[in-house]
Structure formats: C-alpha cells, structure tokens
C-alpha cells in the first residue's frame, strides 16, 4: 500500500513539473495588433534580413494603376468584356497565356505555369472581377484583381509548385464563376494543393467601433478597429491557413493578420461563405479567403462610392505584400501542405 501511495505521489510531482514547464514555456497569445511587433522581437537581425529578401516586393504604382484601369462598373456583358481585355493583356505582359473559360452565364480568365517539381502540385490565386450594378468596385474587387496581377508579375518564374491564376466572373450573382471552375474535374483533380482567394483587400478604418463581426464567430474579436487583414480558412486545411500567420513580420509597417479557422465548412458561420473560396471547400480543396471583411468594415460596400479615392493605399499595398509573401512560400515549399483527397 505504501509503495502505491509513493507511486501516486511521484506521478503527481512529475505532472506538476511538466505543467510548470508548459506554463512558463507558453507565453500568452498577443492581441492581433501586436502580433507583428512580437514576431519581430523574437527574430535576430540576421533572421529578419533573410526574411525580408525571401519574397519579392510589390510595387505601389503597379497596384494603384490596376485600380485606376478598372475604375468602372463591371456589370454588363460589355463592361465585363472590357475588364477581361485589360486582365488578359496584363497577364500576357508577364509571360502567361491566358484562356477564357465560358460557362454560359459568364467568362472566367484562367492562366497557369507549371512547377519544376511535378509531384508538388499547384497553388491557385484568384479573385472575382465583376461588380454589382452602379458600383465601380475599387475595393470590391479591383483590389483583389490587382493583387492577382501583381502575383503574376512577381512570381512568373518557375518554382517547385505550379501557379494557377483565375479571375472569376459572376461572383456577385451567386459565385457562378467559381462554381463553374470547380465543376471541371481537370481544374481541381490531382494537382491543386490549395487556393488563395482575394475579395476586398484595400479598405481600413481606425475609428473605435468601425469594425463589426458576424455572429457565431469561432474566435474572440481582437479589436473594434478595422486595421487588420483577415484570412478565413476551413479547419480541415489548417496548414494553408497557417501559411499566413507571422508572415506580416517579413517587412516593416505591414498590417496585422487575423487568421480565422472555420469548422463544418461554414455551416455555423454563413457569413464566411460569401465569396469564391466556398465552392472549393465543398470540393474538399483547401482554400482561404483574404479580405478586409467587406460590409463589416467599409461603408462603401456595393455603392457608387466604392472608388479608388476611398481605399486606404498603405493598407492595400501592405495587404498585397502579405499575400505575395504567403504565396511565394507556398510555391517554394512543396512539402508543407497535405495532398487533397482524390475525387
């Protein structure tokens, strides 16, 4: 009996030591607006230097030029055709051979380049280019299109993983373009390892209370100011979502990043299903939505006032850099994502 008591005591002491180590080893999670600062403190100067040169830098003038070129309503057939002409011309400048995918109600623009490792698969980067009626859609979603074009320019050279670029049509009328894309088996089978979808990445607000949140959000809201970039991903593909964590520390003065893991493919949070990442979730493909949170932040959502002069330029450029950083890492790291289930 005494031996049993001593054994129990030893186990309790051992557990206490382990618990104590865990408590002191795990610092409290910093609030979202201090994540970048904390990450920088933890890095040595040499580590920061290596990170800063690891991803190519976005060009402010190039990003803003795309916003200005797309500064018109993209709602009618003719208007959307004009947008496609600009997009395809830009992609050709960067060495891509864009193709048009007509799905009846609209037309997607698709371009890709192969990777050097045939077993590594591809990463898709996409955004919708259409708008609602009477809105020029600077934030929604010329900003997303501009980032896709900047990714095309900066990451056109071969990497282990291949790069698929898709500009979706008819997002505003029910995600029709992305649904049509994922229905084509050749687009998603075997090679697609993950999708990064941008929808509104250029608006920030700094007044307390300007940032709202949807109900049933599976995290504690970090702030009532809208000065961070949000990345939403399904909980089944956390490595893809996690690729956006900490990458804001690669350069100075980038927005903080809030990553939101969504369970049950958004069943409990329908607000997280409102863009072109959602059809990928339902095909079992990992996808993230990168966004400034749309109408939960901006007063210009789906209005004529969604113009280039109402975006936050510094936030937009910083958001673009974060997306380029994450995409570059995904393309260069062929072993960091799980292989998607076969169809």
Protein backbone atom coordinates (compact mmCIF):
# COMPACT_ATOMS: atom_id res chain seq x y z
CA UNK A 1 0.00 0.00 0.00
CA UNK A 2 2.85 2.35 0.88
CA UNK A 3 4.50 1.60 -2.45
CA UNK A 4 1.26 2.53 -4.25
CA UNK A 5 1.00 5.82 -2.33
CA UNK A 6 4.60 6.70 -3.15
CA UNK A 7 3.99 5.85 -6.81
CA UNK A 8 0.96 8.14 -6.92
CA UNK A 9 2.94 10.95 -5.27
CA UNK A 10 5.76 10.58 -7.79
CA UNK A 11 3.30 10.76 -10.69
CA UNK A 12 1.70 13.92 -9.20
CA UNK A 13 5.12 15.55 -8.78
CA UNK A 14 6.11 14.64 -12.34
CA UNK A 15 2.89 16.07 -13.72
CA UNK A 16 3.43 19.23 -11.71
CA UNK A 17 6.89 19.68 -13.18
CA UNK A 18 5.60 19.19 -16.73
CA UNK A 19 2.70 21.57 -16.14
CA UNK A 20 5.06 24.17 -14.73
CA UNK A 21 7.31 23.92 -17.77
CA UNK A 22 4.35 24.22 -20.13
CA UNK A 23 3.05 27.26 -18.26
CA UNK A 24 6.32 29.15 -18.47
CA UNK A 25 7.21 27.97 -21.96
CA UNK A 26 3.92 29.17 -23.49
CA UNK A 27 3.58 32.92 -23.33
CA UNK A 28 0.04 34.35 -23.60
CA UNK A 29 -1.11 34.90 -27.19
CA UNK A 30 -0.58 38.59 -28.00
CA UNK A 31 -3.55 40.58 -29.29
CA UNK A 32 -3.84 40.77 -33.06
CA UNK A 33 -2.47 44.29 -33.36
CA UNK A 34 0.77 43.29 -31.59
CA UNK A 35 1.47 40.04 -33.43
CA UNK A 36 3.81 41.70 -35.92
CA UNK A 37 5.78 43.53 -33.21
CA UNK A 38 6.13 40.41 -31.08
CA UNK A 39 7.35 38.36 -34.02
CA UNK A 40 9.97 40.98 -34.87
CA UNK A 41 11.27 40.97 -31.29
CA UNK A 42 11.71 37.20 -31.38
CA UNK A 43 13.84 37.30 -34.52
CA UNK A 44 17.54 38.03 -34.69
CA UNK A 45 18.62 40.81 -37.09
CA UNK A 46 20.00 38.17 -39.47
CA UNK A 47 16.70 36.27 -39.47
CA UNK A 48 14.80 39.45 -40.25
CA UNK A 49 17.20 40.27 -43.09
CA UNK A 50 16.80 36.81 -44.65
CA UNK A 51 13.00 37.01 -44.41
CA UNK A 52 12.92 40.49 -45.91
CA UNK A 53 14.67 39.34 -49.09
CA UNK A 54 12.93 35.99 -49.37
CA UNK A 55 9.83 37.36 -51.11
CA UNK A 56 9.78 39.91 -53.93
CA UNK A 57 8.43 43.34 -53.07
CA UNK A 58 5.19 44.64 -54.55
CA UNK A 59 5.17 47.89 -56.48
CA UNK A 60 2.77 50.53 -55.20
CA UNK A 61 2.48 52.23 -58.59
CA UNK A 62 1.64 48.96 -60.35
CA UNK A 63 -1.09 48.06 -57.84
CA UNK A 64 -2.68 51.50 -57.97
CA UNK A 65 -2.50 51.58 -61.76
CA UNK A 66 -4.61 48.42 -61.92
CA UNK A 67 -7.19 50.01 -59.62
CA UNK A 68 -7.42 53.05 -61.90
CA UNK A 69 -7.63 50.99 -65.10
CA UNK A 70 -10.53 49.02 -63.64
CA UNK A 71 -12.30 52.11 -62.31
CA UNK A 72 -15.65 51.46 -63.97
CA UNK A 73 -18.78 49.43 -63.37
CA UNK A 74 -18.14 45.83 -64.43
CA UNK A 75 -21.71 44.58 -64.51
CA UNK A 76 -22.95 44.35 -68.11
CA UNK A 77 -21.56 41.91 -70.68
CA UNK A 78 -19.71 44.70 -72.45
CA UNK A 79 -18.24 46.10 -69.24
CA UNK A 80 -17.02 42.73 -68.08
CA UNK A 81 -15.57 42.04 -71.53
CA UNK A 82 -13.63 45.29 -71.26
CA UNK A 83 -12.27 44.20 -67.88
CA UNK A 84 -11.26 40.83 -69.34
CA UNK A 85 -9.39 42.55 -72.16
CA UNK A 86 -7.33 44.52 -69.68
CA UNK A 87 -6.68 41.48 -67.48
CA UNK A 88 -5.59 39.22 -70.35
CA UNK A 89 -3.33 41.92 -71.79
CA UNK A 90 -1.58 42.32 -68.43
CA UNK A 91 -1.15 38.58 -67.98
CA UNK A 92 0.43 38.31 -71.42
CA UNK A 93 2.94 41.02 -70.43
CA UNK A 94 4.14 38.75 -67.65
CA UNK A 95 4.60 35.73 -69.91
CA UNK A 96 1.33 33.91 -69.28
CA UNK A 97 -1.03 32.62 -71.96
CA UNK A 98 -4.48 33.36 -70.53
CA UNK A 99 -7.52 31.43 -71.67
CA UNK A 100 -11.20 32.25 -71.41
CA UNK A 101 -13.49 29.72 -69.73
CA UNK A 102 -17.04 30.39 -70.89
CA UNK A 103 -19.63 28.84 -68.59
CA UNK A 104 -22.80 30.23 -70.13
CA UNK A 105 -23.66 32.98 -67.66
CA UNK A 106 -20.17 34.46 -67.76
CA UNK A 107 -16.48 34.04 -68.56
CA UNK A 108 -13.55 33.23 -66.27
CA UNK A 109 -9.99 34.20 -67.17
CA UNK A 110 -7.53 31.36 -66.48
CA UNK A 111 -3.73 31.25 -66.75
CA UNK A 112 -1.11 28.95 -65.33
CA UNK A 113 2.53 27.98 -65.36
CA UNK A 114 3.96 24.62 -64.44
CA UNK A 115 6.16 23.94 -61.44
CA UNK A 116 9.59 22.33 -61.55
CA UNK A 117 8.50 19.51 -59.22
CA UNK A 118 5.78 17.51 -60.95
CA UNK A 119 4.77 15.87 -57.67
CA UNK A 120 4.33 19.15 -55.78
CA UNK A 121 1.06 20.23 -57.38
CA UNK A 122 -0.21 23.77 -57.88
CA UNK A 123 -1.37 26.75 -55.85
CA UNK A 124 -4.31 28.74 -57.20
CA UNK A 125 -4.53 32.50 -56.70
CA UNK A 126 -7.82 34.11 -57.66
CA UNK A 127 -10.28 36.98 -57.34
CA UNK A 128 -13.55 37.99 -58.97
CA UNK A 129 -13.56 40.87 -61.45
CA UNK A 130 -17.29 41.63 -61.78
CA UNK A 131 -19.18 44.26 -59.78
CA UNK A 132 -22.73 44.95 -58.74
CA UNK A 133 -24.86 47.45 -60.64
CA UNK A 134 -23.82 51.11 -60.27
CA UNK A 135 -20.61 50.42 -58.38
CA UNK A 136 -17.11 50.86 -59.85
CA UNK A 137 -15.86 48.33 -57.28
CA UNK A 138 -12.44 49.70 -56.38
CA UNK A 139 -12.30 47.66 -53.19
CA UNK A 140 -14.87 45.10 -54.42
CA UNK A 141 -12.99 43.74 -56.23
CA UNK A 142 -10.50 45.64 -58.34
CA UNK A 143 -8.25 45.37 -55.29
CA UNK A 144 -8.28 41.58 -55.47
CA UNK A 145 -7.71 41.58 -59.22
CA UNK A 146 -4.78 43.97 -58.81
CA UNK A 147 -3.13 41.60 -56.33
CA UNK A 148 -3.60 38.62 -58.66
CA UNK A 149 -1.90 40.60 -61.44
CA UNK A 150 0.93 41.58 -59.09
CA UNK A 151 1.38 37.92 -58.13
CA UNK A 152 1.55 37.12 -61.85
CA UNK A 153 4.23 39.75 -62.38
CA UNK A 154 6.36 38.88 -59.37
CA UNK A 155 6.02 35.09 -59.37
CA UNK A 156 6.11 34.31 -63.09
CA UNK A 157 9.45 32.49 -62.82
CA UNK A 158 9.49 28.73 -62.16
CA UNK A 159 9.07 27.45 -58.61
CA UNK A 160 8.70 23.89 -57.29
CA UNK A 161 4.93 24.28 -57.26
CA UNK A 162 2.95 25.45 -60.27
CA UNK A 163 0.81 28.59 -60.21
CA UNK A 164 -2.81 28.76 -61.36
CA UNK A 165 -4.34 32.21 -61.78
CA UNK A 166 -8.11 32.59 -62.05
CA UNK A 167 -10.16 35.75 -62.39
CA UNK A 168 -13.73 34.71 -61.65
CA UNK A 169 -16.81 36.18 -63.29
CA UNK A 170 -20.28 36.48 -61.78
CA UNK A 171 -19.29 36.25 -58.13
CA UNK A 172 -21.83 38.93 -57.34
CA UNK A 173 -24.69 36.85 -58.74
CA UNK A 174 -24.11 33.70 -56.71
CA UNK A 175 -20.44 32.62 -57.06
CA UNK A 176 -21.25 31.34 -60.53
CA UNK A 177 -17.73 31.64 -61.92
CA UNK A 178 -16.01 29.76 -59.12
CA UNK A 179 -18.72 27.10 -59.09
CA UNK A 180 -18.21 26.57 -62.81
CA UNK A 181 -14.45 26.36 -62.31
CA UNK A 182 -14.52 23.67 -59.63
CA UNK A 183 -17.06 21.62 -61.59
CA UNK A 184 -14.41 20.97 -64.24
CA UNK A 185 -12.54 17.97 -62.86
CA UNK A 186 -9.31 18.80 -64.68
CA UNK A 187 -9.09 22.09 -62.77
CA UNK A 188 -9.01 20.55 -59.32
CA UNK A 189 -8.01 16.90 -59.60
CA UNK A 190 -4.53 15.68 -58.69
CA UNK A 191 -2.59 18.92 -58.96
CA UNK A 192 -4.41 21.55 -56.91
CA UNK A 193 -3.00 21.76 -53.39
CA UNK A 194 -4.73 24.93 -52.22
CA UNK A 195 -6.46 28.14 -53.30
CA UNK A 196 -5.86 31.72 -52.16
CA UNK A 197 -8.86 33.90 -52.99
CA UNK A 198 -8.94 37.67 -52.51
CA UNK A 199 -12.16 39.61 -52.13
CA UNK A 200 -11.76 43.20 -50.98
CA UNK A 201 -8.29 43.84 -49.54
CA UNK A 202 -7.90 47.62 -49.62
CA UNK A 203 -10.12 49.28 -47.01
CA UNK A 204 -9.17 50.07 -43.42
CA UNK A 205 -10.83 52.11 -40.69
CA UNK A 206 -9.34 53.40 -37.46
CA UNK A 207 -12.28 54.80 -35.50
CA UNK A 208 -13.34 52.71 -32.49
CA UNK A 209 -16.48 50.77 -33.38
CA UNK A 210 -15.96 50.87 -37.15
CA UNK A 211 -15.25 47.12 -37.31
CA UNK A 212 -18.16 44.71 -36.92
CA UNK A 213 -18.19 40.92 -36.66
CA UNK A 214 -20.63 38.24 -37.77
CA UNK A 215 -22.46 36.21 -35.13
CA UNK A 216 -21.11 32.80 -34.06
CA UNK A 217 -17.54 33.76 -34.97
CA UNK A 218 -15.29 30.99 -33.56
CA UNK A 219 -12.77 33.46 -32.13
CA UNK A 220 -12.82 36.41 -29.76
CA UNK A 221 -12.91 39.67 -31.77
CA UNK A 222 -9.46 41.26 -31.47
CA UNK A 223 -10.42 44.89 -31.96
CA UNK A 224 -13.27 47.23 -32.84
CA UNK A 225 -10.98 48.99 -35.31
CA UNK A 226 -10.64 47.68 -38.87
CA UNK A 227 -6.90 47.95 -39.33
CA UNK A 228 -6.04 44.28 -39.88
CA UNK A 229 -6.20 41.83 -42.79
CA UNK A 230 -8.43 38.78 -42.27
CA UNK A 231 -7.69 35.31 -43.64
CA UNK A 232 -10.52 32.78 -43.37
CA UNK A 233 -9.89 29.07 -43.89
CA UNK A 234 -11.62 25.78 -43.25
CA UNK A 235 -10.37 23.89 -40.23
CA UNK A 236 -9.69 20.78 -42.33
CA UNK A 237 -6.79 22.51 -44.09
CA UNK A 238 -5.01 24.40 -41.34
CA UNK A 239 -1.52 24.27 -42.94
CA UNK A 240 -2.81 26.50 -45.74
CA UNK A 241 -4.38 28.94 -43.29
CA UNK A 242 -1.27 28.89 -41.11
CA UNK A 243 0.90 29.92 -44.04
CA UNK A 244 -0.44 33.45 -43.46
CA UNK A 245 0.49 33.50 -39.78
CA UNK A 246 3.54 35.54 -38.85
CA UNK A 247 4.37 36.46 -42.45
CA UNK A 248 3.49 40.09 -41.74
CA UNK A 249 6.80 40.25 -39.86
CA UNK A 250 8.82 39.89 -43.06
CA UNK A 251 8.77 43.63 -43.75
CA UNK A 252 8.08 46.65 -41.59
CA UNK A 253 4.77 48.50 -41.46
CA UNK A 254 2.52 45.75 -42.76
CA UNK A 255 -1.00 45.23 -41.40
CA UNK A 256 -1.58 42.69 -38.69
CA UNK A 257 -3.12 39.42 -39.87
CA UNK A 258 -6.10 37.75 -38.22
CA UNK A 259 -6.48 34.08 -39.22
CA UNK A 260 -9.92 32.55 -38.65
CA UNK A 261 -10.31 28.75 -38.73
CA UNK A 262 -13.87 27.80 -39.68
CA UNK A 263 -15.36 24.43 -38.65
CA UNK A 264 -18.01 22.43 -40.51
CA UNK A 265 -17.35 24.22 -43.81
CA UNK A 266 -19.09 27.36 -42.57
CA UNK A 267 -22.36 25.70 -41.59
CA UNK A 268 -22.47 27.69 -38.36
CA UNK A 269 -20.98 30.87 -39.85
CA UNK A 270 -22.74 31.51 -43.18
CA UNK A 271 -21.13 34.95 -43.47
CA UNK A 272 -17.86 33.13 -44.19
CA UNK A 273 -19.32 31.52 -47.34
CA UNK A 274 -19.96 34.67 -49.33
CA UNK A 275 -17.06 34.52 -51.77
CA UNK A 276 -15.29 32.35 -54.33
CA UNK A 277 -13.37 30.20 -51.82
CA UNK A 278 -16.58 28.45 -50.72
CA UNK A 279 -17.03 26.18 -53.79
CA UNK A 280 -13.50 24.87 -53.21
CA UNK A 281 -14.40 23.93 -49.63
CA UNK A 282 -17.29 21.84 -50.87
CA UNK A 283 -14.99 20.01 -53.27
CA UNK A 284 -12.63 19.11 -50.42
CA UNK A 285 -9.97 21.55 -51.61
CA UNK A 286 -8.24 23.75 -49.06
CA UNK A 287 -8.95 27.42 -49.72
CA UNK A 288 -8.57 30.68 -47.85
CA UNK A 289 -10.43 33.94 -48.26
CA UNK A 290 -8.26 37.03 -47.78
CA UNK A 291 -10.42 40.07 -47.06
CA UNK A 292 -10.83 43.39 -45.30
CA UNK A 293 -14.21 41.98 -44.10
CA UNK A 294 -16.35 43.85 -46.66
CA UNK A 295 -19.55 45.38 -45.28
CA UNK A 296 -18.47 44.53 -41.74
CA UNK A 297 -15.99 47.39 -42.15
CA UNK A 298 -16.45 49.59 -45.20
CA UNK A 299 -19.40 51.97 -45.66
CA UNK A 300 -18.83 51.88 -49.44
CA UNK A 301 -19.81 48.24 -49.92
CA UNK A 302 -21.82 47.79 -53.16
CA UNK A 303 -22.23 51.53 -53.54
CA UNK A 304 -21.22 54.12 -56.17
CA UNK A 305 -18.75 55.48 -53.61
CA UNK A 306 -16.52 52.39 -53.87
CA UNK A 307 -13.95 54.41 -55.81
CA UNK A 308 -10.13 54.48 -55.89
CA UNK A 309 -10.03 57.55 -53.66
CA UNK A 310 -11.86 55.75 -50.84
CA UNK A 311 -9.38 52.89 -50.43
CA UNK A 312 -6.54 53.05 -47.92
CA UNK A 313 -3.41 52.94 -50.06
CA UNK A 314 -0.96 51.95 -47.34
CA UNK A 315 -3.24 49.19 -46.08
CA UNK A 316 -3.81 47.97 -49.66
CA UNK A 317 -0.12 47.80 -50.50
CA UNK A 318 0.62 46.10 -47.19
CA UNK A 319 -2.13 43.56 -47.79
CA UNK A 320 -0.75 42.82 -51.24
CA UNK A 321 2.71 42.23 -49.79
CA UNK A 322 1.36 39.81 -47.18
CA UNK A 323 -0.42 37.84 -49.91
CA UNK A 324 2.70 37.76 -52.09
CA UNK A 325 4.79 36.62 -49.10
CA UNK A 326 2.44 33.74 -48.31
CA UNK A 327 2.00 32.71 -51.94
CA UNK A 328 5.73 32.76 -52.54
CA UNK A 329 6.29 30.47 -49.56
CA UNK A 330 3.59 28.08 -50.72
CA UNK A 331 5.09 27.90 -54.20
CA UNK A 332 8.61 27.33 -52.90
CA UNK A 333 7.70 24.73 -50.24
CA UNK A 334 6.38 21.57 -51.90
CA UNK A 335 6.04 19.54 -48.69
CA UNK A 336 4.10 21.86 -46.40
CA UNK A 337 0.52 21.02 -47.43
CA UNK A 338 -1.38 17.76 -47.34
CA UNK A 339 -2.30 16.15 -50.62
CA UNK A 340 -6.02 16.76 -51.27
CA UNK A 341 -8.37 13.77 -51.29
CA UNK A 342 -8.89 12.18 -54.67
CA UNK A 343 -12.23 12.79 -56.37
